[in-house]
Amino acid sequence: MSRIEPQPGILEIDLYVGGTSKIEGVSDVVKLSSNENPFGYSDAVKTAFGRAGHALHRYPSTDHAGLRAAIAEVHGLDAERIICGVGSDEVLQFVTQAYAGVGDEVVYTEHGFSMYPILAKMVGATGVVVPERERRVDVDAILAACTDKTRLVFIANPGNPTGTMVPPQEVARLADGLPEGAILVHDGAYTEFVEGADGGAALVEARDNVLMTRTFSKIYGLGGLRIGWGYGPKEMIDVLNRVRQPFNLSTVQLEVGEAAVRDQAWVTKCRTDNIRLRAWLADALAEHGVVSDPSSANFILARFEDQKEAEACDEYLKTQGLIVRRVAGYGLPNCLRITVGDEPSCRRVAHAIGQFKAGTR
């Protein structure tokens, strides 16, 4: 009897582990582990969600025309060059599936989003891990790691879990320096937290080797609905649509996504509150001897003396009903990633870390 085997690389994939949402035996839990918007979604989204419920017996559109038109209008883009997915993760999967395979190389940085190596293994490609420089993407190191086998280069900008950001001129230098036939995938899940940032749109407009991705899971407060999108050269988007399932987004996702993107007043409010509370939290932790790099996202990467202290602090925070994220799996064992919550949550976690540090002196 022949043995049934999966494709090369599949069994090497470690299952993705999301942020914990509860603590056994502890009530009044504050979840600061998944970079969710503590303010939730807007009233316009709530209305659209209720309205969409009246058409659940109908199939959704396959071309996502309404959502793509709304995204294009708000961001000044070409709707024909937009593709929508089940979160931006699915768009990342599309480009990996369409452009990389066995014998190819997929490049990403040492502290990059944990889905990148998973995607490379999914298609049997070889993952190439590039060092960062003090938790920042190093363009020169990436270019030095590229070969004629390089097909995709992933960067998260702002980075996750670092929160650091590569300036547009450096990203442009990276795109221009890639080998022929390689694609730069600019993962902009946290773009909306940076005032004035375009998430890589100008790069896409000027080049034929860049794909940018965005999500509704973060600032729009729609992590539970899983809606994302990508923007790239028309020829590339045509390819990605050939591997996209025709009904990958439901009617609810499409209508709610359209309402969300059109409510930019909500986005502005959430960004303003995040900037204020992020600065406060970073300063408060620094006063307790816990430093962090300037973050451009909705979280702080808090650095401790070593892995032992970081893990001890995490355990203490759990006793206080606070859930943050260990990031040893990202190569940062001495760090904890802490989502910027609402003001009471920020004050609570800062106070708890202060108590922990005082108790360890």
Protein backbone atom coordinates (compact mmCIF):
# COMPACT_ATOMS: atom_id res chain seq x y z
CA MET A 1 0.00 0.00 0.00
CA SER A 2 1.43 3.38 -0.99
CA ARG A 3 1.93 6.00 1.69
CA ILE A 4 0.07 9.28 1.24
CA GLU A 5 2.46 12.20 1.71
CA PRO A 6 1.81 15.95 1.88
CA GLN A 7 3.72 18.40 -0.30
CA PRO A 8 7.32 19.23 0.75
CA GLY A 9 7.49 21.74 3.59
CA ILE A 10 3.96 21.25 4.94
CA LEU A 11 4.95 19.09 7.91
CA GLU A 12 7.70 21.58 8.80
CA ILE A 13 5.11 24.26 9.55
CA ASP A 14 4.62 25.10 13.21
CA LEU A 15 0.99 25.97 13.80
CA TYR A 16 0.31 29.68 14.29
CA VAL A 17 -0.60 30.54 17.87
CA GLY A 18 -2.82 33.58 18.39
CA GLY A 19 -2.89 35.82 21.43
CA THR A 20 -4.39 34.33 24.60
CA SER A 21 -7.79 35.74 25.54
CA LYS A 22 -8.44 34.32 29.02
CA ILE A 23 -6.66 33.38 32.24
CA GLU A 24 -7.82 30.35 34.20
CA GLY A 25 -9.29 31.40 37.52
CA VAL A 26 -8.96 35.14 36.89
CA SER A 27 -11.86 37.47 36.16
CA ASP A 28 -11.80 41.07 34.89
CA VAL A 29 -9.21 40.18 32.28
CA VAL A 30 -7.72 42.82 29.96
CA LYS A 31 -6.44 41.37 26.69
CA LEU A 32 -3.43 43.27 25.34
CA SER A 33 -1.94 40.44 23.30
CA SER A 34 -3.42 40.69 19.79
CA ASN A 35 -3.12 44.38 18.81
CA GLU A 36 -6.87 44.81 18.60
CA ASN A 37 -8.54 48.22 18.59
CA PRO A 38 -9.74 48.78 22.18
CA PHE A 39 -12.40 51.19 20.90
CA GLY A 40 -13.92 48.57 18.61
CA TYR A 41 -15.70 49.59 15.42
CA SER A 42 -17.72 52.63 14.40
CA ASP A 43 -21.49 53.13 14.49
CA ALA A 44 -21.52 53.08 10.69
CA VAL A 45 -20.09 49.56 10.80
CA LYS A 46 -22.71 48.45 13.31
CA THR A 47 -25.47 49.72 11.03
CA ALA A 48 -23.98 48.00 7.97
CA PHE A 49 -23.64 44.73 9.88
CA GLY A 50 -27.32 44.75 10.77
CA ARG A 51 -28.34 45.62 7.22
CA ALA A 52 -26.21 42.83 5.71
CA GLY A 53 -28.04 40.27 7.81
CA HIS A 54 -31.13 40.62 5.62
CA ALA A 55 -29.37 39.05 2.61
CA LEU A 56 -27.68 36.02 4.12
CA HIS A 57 -29.58 33.69 1.81
CA ARG A 58 -27.94 35.31 -1.25
CA TYR A 59 -24.47 34.59 -2.58
CA PRO A 60 -22.05 37.51 -2.33
CA SER A 61 -20.54 39.17 -5.37
CA THR A 62 -17.44 37.52 -6.77
CA ASP A 63 -15.77 40.72 -7.98
CA HIS A 64 -15.98 42.69 -4.69
CA ALA A 65 -16.75 45.75 -6.83
CA GLY A 66 -18.41 47.83 -4.11
CA LEU A 67 -15.65 47.33 -1.55
CA ARG A 68 -12.89 47.84 -4.11
CA ALA A 69 -14.55 51.06 -5.31
CA ALA A 70 -14.80 52.37 -1.75
CA ILE A 71 -11.14 51.58 -1.00
CA ALA A 72 -10.08 53.21 -4.27
CA GLU A 73 -12.13 56.34 -3.60
CA VAL A 74 -10.87 56.81 -0.04
CA HIS A 75 -7.20 56.15 -0.83
CA GLY A 76 -7.02 57.58 -4.35
CA LEU A 77 -6.22 54.24 -6.00
CA ASP A 78 -7.26 52.33 -9.11
CA ALA A 79 -10.04 49.88 -8.20
CA GLU A 80 -8.95 47.53 -10.97
CA ARG A 81 -5.64 47.00 -9.17
CA ILE A 82 -7.18 46.07 -5.81
CA ILE A 83 -7.74 42.50 -4.62
CA CYS A 84 -9.67 41.60 -1.45
CA GLY A 85 -9.01 38.71 0.87
CA VAL A 86 -9.89 37.04 4.14
CA GLY A 87 -7.65 39.37 6.08
CA SER A 88 -4.41 40.56 4.50
CA ASP A 89 -3.06 37.10 5.39
CA GLU A 90 -4.98 35.62 2.48
CA VAL A 91 -3.54 38.16 0.05
CA LEU A 92 -0.06 37.23 1.30
CA GLN A 93 -0.98 33.61 0.65
CA PHE A 94 -2.16 34.45 -2.88
CA VAL A 95 1.13 36.07 -3.86
CA THR A 96 3.19 33.27 -2.34
CA GLN A 97 1.12 30.58 -4.02
CA ALA A 98 1.24 32.37 -7.39
CA TYR A 99 4.91 33.36 -7.52
CA ALA A 100 6.99 30.98 -5.37
CA GLY A 101 7.55 27.24 -5.21
CA VAL A 102 10.08 24.46 -4.82
CA GLY A 103 13.58 25.69 -5.64
CA ASP A 104 12.69 29.34 -5.06
CA GLU A 105 13.69 31.56 -2.15
CA VAL A 106 11.46 33.76 0.00
CA VAL A 107 13.27 36.44 2.00
CA TYR A 108 12.11 37.96 5.30
CA THR A 109 13.78 39.51 8.34
CA GLU A 110 14.57 37.81 11.65
CA HIS A 111 11.82 39.59 13.59
CA GLY A 112 9.30 39.63 10.73
CA PHE A 113 5.67 38.52 10.96
CA SER A 114 5.51 34.80 11.77
CA MET A 115 3.29 34.04 8.76
CA TYR A 116 6.15 34.65 6.30
CA PRO A 117 8.08 31.42 7.01
CA ILE A 118 4.78 29.52 7.16
CA LEU A 119 3.86 30.76 3.68
CA ALA A 120 7.28 29.83 2.28
CA LYS A 121 7.01 26.29 3.65
CA MET A 122 3.45 26.02 2.38
CA VAL A 123 4.65 26.20 -1.23
CA GLY A 124 7.89 24.28 -0.69
CA ALA A 125 10.10 27.35 -1.10
CA THR A 126 13.26 28.01 0.92
CA GLY A 127 12.96 30.69 3.58
CA VAL A 128 15.92 33.06 3.86
CA VAL A 129 16.12 34.87 7.20
CA VAL A 130 17.92 38.23 7.20
CA PRO A 131 19.27 39.93 10.35
CA GLU A 132 17.78 43.22 11.45
CA ARG A 133 19.77 46.09 12.90
CA GLU A 134 18.58 46.86 16.43
CA ARG A 135 15.09 45.61 15.63
CA ARG A 136 14.88 47.59 12.41
CA VAL A 137 14.73 46.27 8.87
CA ASP A 138 18.18 46.53 7.25
CA VAL A 139 17.75 47.18 3.53
CA ASP A 140 21.40 46.49 2.73
CA ALA A 141 21.25 43.13 4.52
CA ILE A 142 18.15 42.15 2.56
CA LEU A 143 19.71 43.09 -0.77
CA ALA A 144 22.85 41.16 0.12
CA ALA A 145 20.74 38.07 0.85
CA CYS A 146 18.92 38.13 -2.49
CA THR A 147 19.98 35.77 -5.28
CA ASP A 148 18.69 34.79 -8.69
CA LYS A 149 16.42 32.35 -6.84
CA THR A 150 14.68 35.11 -4.86
CA ARG A 151 11.03 35.40 -5.78
CA LEU A 152 9.49 37.24 -2.83
CA VAL A 153 10.77 39.67 -0.20
CA PHE A 154 8.40 40.31 2.72
CA ILE A 155 8.66 43.33 4.99
CA ALA A 156 6.10 44.46 7.56
CA ASN A 157 6.15 48.25 7.74
CA PRO A 158 5.50 49.23 10.51
CA GLY A 159 6.99 46.02 11.80
CA ASN A 160 5.29 43.40 13.91
CA PRO A 161 6.31 42.79 16.69
CA THR A 162 8.93 45.55 16.69
CA GLY A 163 6.74 48.55 15.85
CA THR A 164 9.66 50.15 14.01
CA MET A 165 9.29 51.63 10.53
CA VAL A 166 11.39 51.87 7.38
CA PRO A 167 11.23 55.32 5.73
CA PRO A 168 9.75 55.49 2.21
CA GLN A 169 13.07 56.30 0.54
CA GLU A 170 14.65 53.17 2.00
CA VAL A 171 11.74 50.99 0.90
CA ALA A 172 12.07 52.46 -2.59
CA ARG A 173 15.78 51.64 -2.56
CA LEU A 174 14.92 48.08 -1.60
CA ALA A 175 12.38 47.71 -4.41
CA ASP A 176 14.81 49.15 -6.96
CA GLY A 177 17.63 46.88 -5.84
CA LEU A 178 15.80 43.55 -6.05
CA PRO A 179 16.86 40.96 -8.62
CA GLU A 180 14.84 40.76 -11.80
CA GLY A 181 11.74 38.63 -11.28
CA ALA A 182 11.51 39.26 -7.53
CA ILE A 183 8.53 40.93 -5.84
CA LEU A 184 8.63 43.19 -2.80
CA VAL A 185 5.59 42.53 -0.60
CA HIS A 186 4.98 45.58 1.60
CA ASP A 187 2.81 44.40 4.49
CA GLY A 188 1.07 47.50 5.83
CA ALA A 189 -1.26 46.05 8.46
CA TYR A 190 -0.47 48.94 10.80
CA THR A 191 -0.31 51.73 8.20
CA GLU A 192 -3.36 53.57 9.51
CA PHE A 193 -1.64 54.23 12.83
CA VAL A 194 0.90 56.46 11.03
CA GLU A 195 -0.47 59.85 10.09
CA GLY A 196 0.05 60.59 6.39
CA ALA A 197 1.45 57.15 5.51
CA ASP A 198 0.30 55.63 2.21
CA GLY A 199 1.23 52.03 3.02
CA GLY A 200 3.37 51.70 -0.09
CA ALA A 201 0.85 53.02 -2.64
CA ALA A 202 3.37 55.39 -4.26
CA LEU A 203 5.82 52.50 -4.60
CA VAL A 204 3.21 50.41 -6.38
CA GLU A 205 2.25 53.24 -8.71
CA ALA A 206 5.84 53.78 -9.80
CA ARG A 207 7.01 50.17 -10.13
CA ASP A 208 5.93 46.79 -11.44
CA ASN A 209 7.55 44.68 -8.69
CA VAL A 210 5.71 45.83 -5.53
CA LEU A 211 2.53 44.52 -3.88
CA MET A 212 1.15 46.30 -0.81
CA THR A 213 -1.31 44.76 1.64
CA ARG A 214 -3.64 46.28 4.23
CA THR A 215 -6.16 44.97 6.75
CA PHE A 216 -9.41 45.91 8.47
CA SER A 217 -8.42 43.88 11.55
CA LYS A 218 -6.47 46.58 13.35
CA ILE A 219 -7.56 50.23 13.40
CA TYR A 220 -10.99 49.46 11.92
CA GLY A 221 -11.72 47.06 14.80
CA LEU A 222 -12.83 44.19 12.56
CA GLY A 223 -10.46 41.37 13.51
CA GLY A 224 -13.44 39.07 14.02
CA LEU A 225 -14.64 39.52 10.43
CA ARG A 226 -11.31 38.93 8.63
CA ILE A 227 -11.18 41.46 5.78
CA GLY A 228 -8.04 42.60 3.98
CA TRP A 229 -6.87 43.87 0.62
CA GLY A 230 -3.88 44.29 -1.62
CA TYR A 231 -2.81 46.76 -4.30
CA GLY A 232 -0.38 45.99 -7.09
CA PRO A 233 0.32 46.13 -10.81
CA LYS A 234 -2.72 45.16 -12.88
CA GLU A 235 -0.94 42.14 -14.35
CA MET A 236 -0.07 40.86 -10.88
CA ILE A 237 -3.59 41.37 -9.55
CA ASP A 238 -4.96 39.45 -12.53
CA VAL A 239 -2.70 36.54 -11.57
CA LEU A 240 -3.73 36.65 -7.92
CA ASN A 241 -7.41 36.64 -8.83
CA ARG A 242 -6.85 33.32 -10.62
CA VAL A 243 -5.92 31.62 -7.32
CA ARG A 244 -8.55 33.46 -5.25
CA GLN A 245 -11.69 31.54 -4.42
CA PRO A 246 -14.62 33.36 -6.12
CA PHE A 247 -16.70 33.62 -2.94
CA ASN A 248 -13.85 34.21 -0.49
CA LEU A 249 -15.63 37.16 1.15
CA SER A 250 -19.19 37.02 2.45
CA THR A 251 -21.88 39.64 1.94
CA VAL A 252 -21.39 40.71 5.56
CA GLN A 253 -17.64 41.19 5.09
CA LEU A 254 -18.12 43.17 1.88
CA GLU A 255 -20.82 45.52 3.20
CA VAL A 256 -19.20 46.06 6.57
CA GLY A 257 -15.79 46.64 4.97
CA GLU A 258 -17.23 49.28 2.68
CA ALA A 259 -18.91 51.09 5.57
CA ALA A 260 -15.73 50.94 7.62
CA VAL A 261 -13.39 52.36 4.99
CA ARG A 262 -15.77 55.22 4.24
CA ASP A 263 -15.85 56.24 7.92
CA GLN A 264 -12.46 57.90 8.03
CA ALA A 265 -13.54 60.10 10.93
CA TRP A 266 -13.45 56.97 13.09
CA VAL A 267 -10.01 56.06 11.79
CA THR A 268 -8.71 59.55 12.60
CA LYS A 269 -10.15 59.41 16.13
CA CYS A 270 -8.63 55.98 16.80
CA ARG A 271 -5.25 57.02 15.39
CA THR A 272 -5.19 60.20 17.51
CA ASP A 273 -6.09 58.31 20.68
CA ASN A 274 -3.52 55.60 19.91
CA ILE A 275 -0.71 58.11 19.35
CA ARG A 276 -1.49 59.83 22.66
CA LEU A 277 -1.82 56.65 24.71
CA ARG A 278 1.15 54.95 23.03
CA ALA A 279 3.42 57.85 24.02
CA TRP A 280 2.04 57.83 27.55
CA LEU A 281 2.53 54.07 27.93
CA ALA A 282 6.08 54.15 26.54
CA ASP A 283 7.03 56.97 28.93
CA ALA A 284 5.37 55.25 31.90
CA LEU A 285 7.23 51.99 31.25
CA ALA A 286 10.51 53.86 30.77
CA GLU A 287 10.08 55.41 34.22
CA HIS A 288 10.01 51.85 35.58
CA GLY A 289 13.19 50.96 33.70
CA VAL A 290 11.44 49.13 30.84
CA VAL A 291 12.55 50.65 27.56
CA SER A 292 11.10 50.38 24.06
CA ASP A 293 11.87 51.59 20.56
CA PRO A 294 9.68 54.38 19.18
CA SER A 295 6.62 52.52 17.88
CA SER A 296 4.62 53.41 14.78
CA ALA A 297 1.93 50.81 15.48
CA ASN A 298 -0.67 50.18 18.21
CA PHE A 299 1.65 48.32 20.54
CA ILE A 300 4.85 48.73 22.52
CA LEU A 301 7.69 46.21 22.40
CA ALA A 302 8.82 46.34 26.01
CA ARG A 303 12.42 45.22 26.60
CA PHE A 304 13.55 43.61 29.84
CA GLU A 305 16.98 42.67 31.17
CA ASP A 306 16.74 39.10 29.90
CA GLN A 307 14.32 36.31 29.03
CA LYS A 308 13.94 35.28 32.65
CA GLU A 309 12.75 38.75 33.70
CA ALA A 310 10.41 39.06 30.70
CA GLU A 311 8.76 35.73 31.46
CA ALA A 312 8.53 36.51 35.18
CA CYS A 313 6.85 39.81 34.38
CA ASP A 314 4.40 38.06 32.05
CA GLU A 315 3.49 35.60 34.78
CA TYR A 316 2.97 38.45 37.26
CA LEU A 317 0.78 40.34 34.81
CA LYS A 318 -1.42 37.27 34.45
CA THR A 319 -2.05 37.28 38.19
CA GLN A 320 -3.27 40.85 37.74
CA GLY A 321 -5.63 39.88 34.92
CA LEU A 322 -3.43 41.34 32.18
CA ILE A 323 -2.63 39.38 29.03
CA VAL A 324 0.33 40.51 26.91
CA ARG A 325 2.32 38.64 24.26
CA ARG A 326 5.63 36.83 24.68
CA VAL A 327 7.69 37.13 21.50
CA ALA A 328 10.51 34.63 21.97
CA GLY A 329 9.20 32.94 18.82
CA TYR A 330 10.08 36.13 16.95
CA GLY A 331 13.66 36.00 18.21
CA LEU A 332 12.98 38.49 21.01
CA PRO A 333 12.99 36.40 24.21
CA ASN A 334 13.69 39.39 26.47
CA CYS A 335 10.64 41.31 25.23
CA LEU A 336 6.90 41.48 25.75
CA ARG A 337 4.60 42.99 23.13
CA ILE A 338 1.91 45.09 24.79
CA THR A 339 -1.09 46.37 22.84
CA VAL A 340 -1.99 50.00 23.45
CA GLY A 341 -5.41 49.68 25.05
CA ASP A 342 -7.80 52.36 26.24
CA GLU A 343 -6.62 54.72 28.98
CA PRO A 344 -7.70 52.57 31.96
CA SER A 345 -5.96 49.53 30.42
CA CYS A 346 -2.75 51.47 29.78
CA ARG A 347 -2.70 52.78 33.32
CA ARG A 348 -3.42 49.34 34.72
CA VAL A 349 -0.63 47.58 32.84
CA ALA A 350 1.88 50.37 33.56
CA HIS A 351 1.05 50.22 37.27
CA ALA A 352 1.36 46.43 37.32
CA ILE A 353 4.76 46.49 35.60
CA GLY A 354 5.86 49.13 38.09
CA GLN A 355 4.78 46.87 40.94
CA PHE A 356 6.63 43.95 39.37
CA LYS A 357 9.84 45.95 38.93
CA ALA A 358 9.64 47.26 42.49
CA GLY A 359 9.26 43.73 43.78
CA THR A 360 12.34 42.51 41.94
CA ARG A 361 14.71 45.19 43.21
